[in-house]
Amino acid sequence: MIMKNIFVFATALLISIIQTQAQITITPTKKFIENQYLQNEVSRYELSVEVNGKRVVRAVQEDAITLMPAKNQLLRVQKLLVQGRAMSIDSALITLDNFQPIYHAGINPRRNIQLKYDYATGKIMGSYTPKKQAKPQAIDQKVLTPYFDSNVYEMMLRFLPLKPSLKAKFPAYAYESEEKNGVRWYQIQEVTLQKFNDQPCFVVKVKNKQGQVIHYWINQQNRTLHKYEIQLPNGRKVLFTKV
């Protein structure tokens, strides 16, 4: 009887460990979005790099979130400002309840892009214009696997049911991606608890196949993003800090 109880206990413990360590897949569904944290907001982040052992601010990123409940939509607009001038602007329109992509437009010194997503059918249409090329390239793809828009996933991380045991993977679409059909997979490798300026935070570690490792400091109470750090494959680190 004792041996049977030990066996039952060991089995339950093993199942518990497996469940805790199991990696889940996150896709645009209502199940994984904690909408109670969503609100209209405008945030600014200083982009800094290390030069000769010191942090030097190179740019400022503006991040605006606008909720449109009547249309079940959320608009995110990001601007990268260098000396007050917008060097890049990216706009992403998604569904409010589950973050399915609807539209994406982006302009930067390398290219212009416009994407229209018909998520239900998998159809993606639009145009892509490299700066050295006047004539746009037509985009006409069909992607049947679930995905987030590439300019939304870092925001999406803030509104997950975060906890230290969370290990997950999620897909994000970017037309320029070398991955099949433009869908690139990311891994949430770990979630830890730390304090930043006396604020309790989830620190979410994310990695992609290109070798980038990103840490996000997300406030536990209101899901504000305090900062995030990108570690590039060459060892350099880029830091975004909220101001």
Protein backbone atom coordinates (compact mmCIF):
# COMPACT_ATOMS: atom_id res chain seq x y z
CA MET A 1 0.00 0.00 0.00
CA ILE A 2 2.86 2.35 0.88
CA MET A 3 4.62 1.55 -2.40
CA LYS A 4 1.37 2.21 -4.30
CA ASN A 5 0.97 5.61 -2.59
CA ILE A 6 4.59 6.50 -3.38
CA PHE A 7 4.03 5.51 -7.02
CA VAL A 8 0.84 7.62 -7.24
CA PHE A 9 2.60 10.60 -5.64
CA ALA A 10 5.62 10.30 -7.96
CA THR A 11 3.38 10.03 -11.01
CA ALA A 12 1.40 13.11 -9.99
CA LEU A 13 4.61 15.02 -9.32
CA LEU A 14 6.04 14.04 -12.71
CA ILE A 15 2.83 15.11 -14.49
CA SER A 16 2.90 18.41 -12.60
CA ILE A 17 6.53 19.04 -13.63
CA ILE A 18 5.80 18.18 -17.27
CA GLN A 19 2.76 20.47 -17.31
CA THR A 20 4.76 23.29 -15.72
CA GLN A 21 7.61 22.96 -18.21
CA ALA A 22 5.45 22.29 -21.28
CA GLN A 23 5.62 24.85 -24.02
CA ILE A 24 2.32 26.20 -25.27
CA THR A 25 1.55 27.82 -28.62
CA ILE A 26 0.04 31.32 -28.57
CA THR A 27 -2.02 32.45 -31.57
CA PRO A 28 -4.56 35.28 -32.06
CA THR A 29 -7.40 33.98 -29.89
CA LYS A 30 -9.48 35.48 -27.09
CA LYS A 31 -8.16 32.83 -24.71
CA PHE A 32 -4.71 34.41 -24.37
CA ILE A 33 -5.48 38.15 -24.37
CA GLU A 34 -6.24 39.76 -21.00
CA ASN A 35 -8.26 42.69 -22.34
CA GLN A 36 -8.78 44.31 -18.94
CA TYR A 37 -5.31 45.84 -19.21
CA LEU A 38 -5.94 47.49 -22.59
CA GLN A 39 -6.30 51.27 -22.68
CA ASN A 40 -5.54 54.27 -24.87
CA GLU A 41 -1.96 55.34 -24.29
CA VAL A 42 1.00 57.23 -25.74
CA SER A 43 4.47 56.24 -24.56
CA ARG A 44 7.98 57.40 -25.37
CA TYR A 45 11.14 55.31 -25.11
CA GLU A 46 14.75 56.41 -25.40
CA LEU A 47 16.78 54.14 -27.68
CA SER A 48 20.34 53.90 -26.38
CA VAL A 49 23.47 51.93 -27.24
CA GLU A 50 26.73 51.43 -25.38
CA VAL A 51 29.67 53.50 -26.65
CA ASN A 52 33.01 53.20 -24.83
CA GLY A 53 31.30 51.86 -21.75
CA LYS A 54 28.61 54.58 -21.64
CA ARG A 55 24.96 54.57 -22.72
CA VAL A 56 24.34 57.02 -25.56
CA VAL A 57 20.80 57.94 -26.68
CA ARG A 58 20.45 57.59 -30.45
CA ALA A 59 16.70 58.04 -30.97
CA VAL A 60 13.28 58.25 -29.34
CA GLN A 61 10.46 55.84 -30.10
CA GLU A 62 6.87 57.02 -29.79
CA ASP A 63 4.26 54.31 -29.30
CA ALA A 64 0.54 55.15 -29.46
CA ILE A 65 -2.32 52.71 -28.81
CA THR A 66 -5.87 53.71 -29.75
CA LEU A 67 -8.84 51.51 -28.88
CA MET A 68 -11.95 51.52 -31.09
CA PRO A 69 -14.43 49.27 -29.25
CA ALA A 70 -17.35 50.08 -31.59
CA LYS A 71 -15.38 48.54 -34.46
CA ASN A 72 -13.67 45.89 -32.30
CA GLN A 73 -10.33 47.32 -33.47
CA LEU A 74 -7.03 48.50 -32.00
CA LEU A 75 -4.62 50.82 -33.81
CA ARG A 76 -0.93 50.89 -32.90
CA VAL A 77 1.34 53.56 -34.39
CA GLN A 78 5.09 53.57 -33.78
CA LYS A 79 7.43 56.38 -34.78
CA LEU A 80 11.22 56.34 -34.51
CA LEU A 81 12.46 59.90 -34.07
CA VAL A 82 16.06 60.97 -34.65
CA GLN A 83 16.69 64.58 -33.59
CA GLY A 84 12.93 65.11 -33.69
CA ARG A 85 12.55 63.82 -37.24
CA ALA A 86 10.50 60.69 -37.96
CA MET A 87 12.85 58.16 -39.57
CA SER A 88 10.26 55.39 -39.62
CA ILE A 89 6.51 55.10 -39.06
CA ASP A 90 4.64 51.82 -38.66
CA SER A 91 0.88 51.46 -38.24
CA ALA A 92 -0.86 48.21 -37.41
CA LEU A 93 -4.62 47.68 -37.20
CA ILE A 94 -5.84 44.54 -35.41
CA THR A 95 -9.01 43.15 -33.86
CA LEU A 96 -9.45 44.29 -30.28
CA ASP A 97 -10.67 41.03 -28.79
CA ASN A 98 -8.09 38.59 -30.14
CA PHE A 99 -5.36 40.60 -31.97
CA GLN A 100 -5.98 39.19 -35.44
CA PRO A 101 -4.19 41.39 -38.04
CA ILE A 102 -6.27 43.62 -40.36
CA TYR A 103 -3.88 46.14 -41.91
CA HIS A 104 -0.22 47.20 -41.74
CA ALA A 105 1.60 50.17 -43.27
CA GLY A 106 5.24 51.06 -42.78
CA ILE A 107 7.75 53.52 -44.13
CA ASN A 108 11.45 53.76 -43.35
CA PRO A 109 14.70 54.62 -45.20
CA ARG A 110 14.85 51.11 -46.68
CA ARG A 111 11.31 50.55 -47.96
CA ASN A 112 7.60 51.33 -47.99
CA ILE A 113 5.06 48.59 -47.38
CA GLN A 114 1.28 48.17 -47.21
CA LEU A 115 -0.48 44.96 -46.22
CA LYS A 116 -4.15 44.03 -46.09
CA TYR A 117 -4.94 40.85 -44.19
CA ASP A 118 -7.98 38.69 -44.85
CA TYR A 119 -7.27 36.57 -41.82
CA ALA A 120 -10.25 34.24 -42.24
CA THR A 121 -9.15 33.09 -45.71
CA GLY A 122 -5.39 33.47 -45.15
CA LYS A 123 -5.11 36.02 -47.97
CA ILE A 124 -2.48 38.78 -47.69
CA MET A 125 -2.36 41.48 -50.36
CA GLY A 126 -0.49 44.76 -50.68
CA SER A 127 2.65 46.35 -52.05
CA TYR A 128 6.34 46.53 -51.21
CA THR A 129 8.60 49.30 -52.55
CA PRO A 130 12.33 49.28 -51.81
CA LYS A 131 13.74 52.83 -51.68
CA LYS A 132 16.02 52.18 -54.66
CA GLN A 133 13.08 51.02 -56.74
CA ALA A 134 10.31 53.36 -57.88
CA LYS A 135 7.86 50.67 -58.97
CA PRO A 136 6.17 48.75 -56.13
CA GLN A 137 6.17 44.97 -55.98
CA ALA A 138 2.71 43.46 -55.65
CA ILE A 139 2.12 41.22 -52.63
CA ASP A 140 -0.31 38.36 -53.10
CA GLN A 141 0.16 35.54 -50.59
CA LYS A 142 -1.88 32.90 -48.85
CA VAL A 143 -0.82 32.02 -45.32
CA LEU A 144 -3.03 29.41 -43.70
CA THR A 145 -1.17 29.11 -40.39
CA PRO A 146 -2.20 31.49 -37.56
CA TYR A 147 0.02 34.55 -36.97
CA PHE A 148 0.30 37.98 -35.36
CA ASP A 149 1.41 41.07 -37.24
CA SER A 150 5.15 41.63 -36.73
CA ASN A 151 4.56 45.13 -35.32
CA VAL A 152 2.14 43.90 -32.68
CA TYR A 153 3.76 40.92 -31.01
CA GLU A 154 5.84 42.87 -28.46
CA MET A 155 2.68 44.71 -27.40
CA MET A 156 0.82 41.40 -27.29
CA LEU A 157 3.32 40.10 -24.69
CA ARG A 158 2.11 42.70 -22.19
CA PHE A 159 -1.43 41.32 -22.23
CA LEU A 160 -0.73 37.61 -21.86
CA PRO A 161 -1.60 35.70 -18.67
CA LEU A 162 1.99 36.07 -17.51
CA LYS A 163 3.43 33.89 -14.75
CA PRO A 164 6.92 32.55 -13.96
CA SER A 165 6.15 29.07 -15.29
CA LEU A 166 5.09 30.33 -18.74
CA LYS A 167 7.02 28.88 -21.66
CA ALA A 168 5.53 29.43 -25.09
CA LYS A 169 6.07 30.00 -28.78
CA PHE A 170 4.17 32.29 -31.13
CA PRO A 171 4.21 33.19 -34.85
CA ALA A 172 4.50 36.69 -36.36
CA TYR A 173 4.20 37.63 -40.04
CA ALA A 174 6.65 39.97 -41.78
CA TYR A 175 6.82 40.16 -45.58
CA GLU A 176 10.61 40.59 -45.56
CA SER A 177 11.13 37.54 -43.38
CA GLU A 178 13.17 34.69 -44.86
CA GLU A 179 10.97 32.18 -43.06
CA LYS A 180 8.42 30.18 -45.03
CA ASN A 181 5.45 32.36 -46.10
CA GLY A 182 6.87 35.23 -44.05
CA VAL A 183 5.90 33.64 -40.71
CA ARG A 184 8.68 33.78 -38.12
CA TRP A 185 8.48 31.88 -34.83
CA TYR A 186 9.50 33.32 -31.47
CA GLN A 187 10.01 31.57 -28.15
CA ILE A 188 9.17 32.83 -24.69
CA GLN A 189 12.02 31.08 -22.92
CA GLU A 190 11.30 32.21 -19.39
CA VAL A 191 9.38 34.65 -17.23
CA THR A 192 10.99 35.88 -14.01
CA LEU A 193 9.99 38.36 -11.29
CA GLN A 194 12.11 41.44 -10.69
CA LYS A 195 11.73 45.04 -9.57
CA PHE A 196 12.41 48.07 -11.76
CA ASN A 197 12.40 51.44 -9.97
CA ASP A 198 10.64 49.71 -7.05
CA GLN A 199 7.89 48.49 -9.39
CA PRO A 200 7.23 44.71 -9.43
CA CYS A 201 7.73 43.43 -12.96
CA PHE A 202 7.52 40.35 -15.09
CA VAL A 203 10.75 40.00 -17.07
CA VAL A 204 9.91 38.11 -20.26
CA LYS A 205 12.79 36.58 -22.23
CA VAL A 206 12.06 36.08 -25.95
CA LYS A 207 14.31 34.56 -28.62
CA ASN A 208 13.96 34.13 -32.38
CA LYS A 209 15.76 31.96 -34.93
CA GLN A 210 17.92 34.89 -36.03
CA GLY A 211 19.70 34.78 -32.68
CA GLN A 212 18.17 37.90 -31.13
CA VAL A 213 17.37 37.70 -27.41
CA ILE A 214 14.98 40.32 -26.01
CA HIS A 215 14.09 40.98 -22.38
CA TYR A 216 10.90 42.92 -21.56
CA TRP A 217 10.25 44.52 -18.15
CA ILE A 218 6.44 44.53 -17.80
CA ASN A 219 4.68 45.97 -14.75
CA GLN A 220 2.78 43.26 -12.87
CA GLN A 221 -0.12 45.49 -11.83
CA ASN A 222 -0.98 47.51 -14.95
CA ARG A 223 1.17 45.84 -17.67
CA THR A 224 3.07 49.03 -18.49
CA LEU A 225 6.25 48.29 -20.46
CA HIS A 226 9.07 49.99 -18.53
CA LYS A 227 11.93 48.96 -20.80
CA TYR A 228 13.20 46.30 -23.13
CA GLU A 229 16.68 45.22 -24.15
CA ILE A 230 17.61 43.64 -27.48
CA GLN A 231 20.77 41.53 -27.56
CA LEU A 232 21.96 41.13 -31.15
CA PRO A 233 23.84 38.06 -32.45
CA ASN A 234 27.06 40.13 -32.58
CA GLY A 235 26.83 40.76 -28.84
CA ARG A 236 25.69 44.39 -29.05
CA LYS A 237 22.76 45.49 -26.92
CA VAL A 238 20.10 48.07 -27.76
CA LEU A 239 18.06 49.41 -24.86
CA PHE A 240 14.62 51.07 -24.97
CA THR A 241 13.73 52.86 -21.70
CA LYS A 242 10.42 54.58 -21.00
CA VAL A 243 10.68 58.30 -20.29
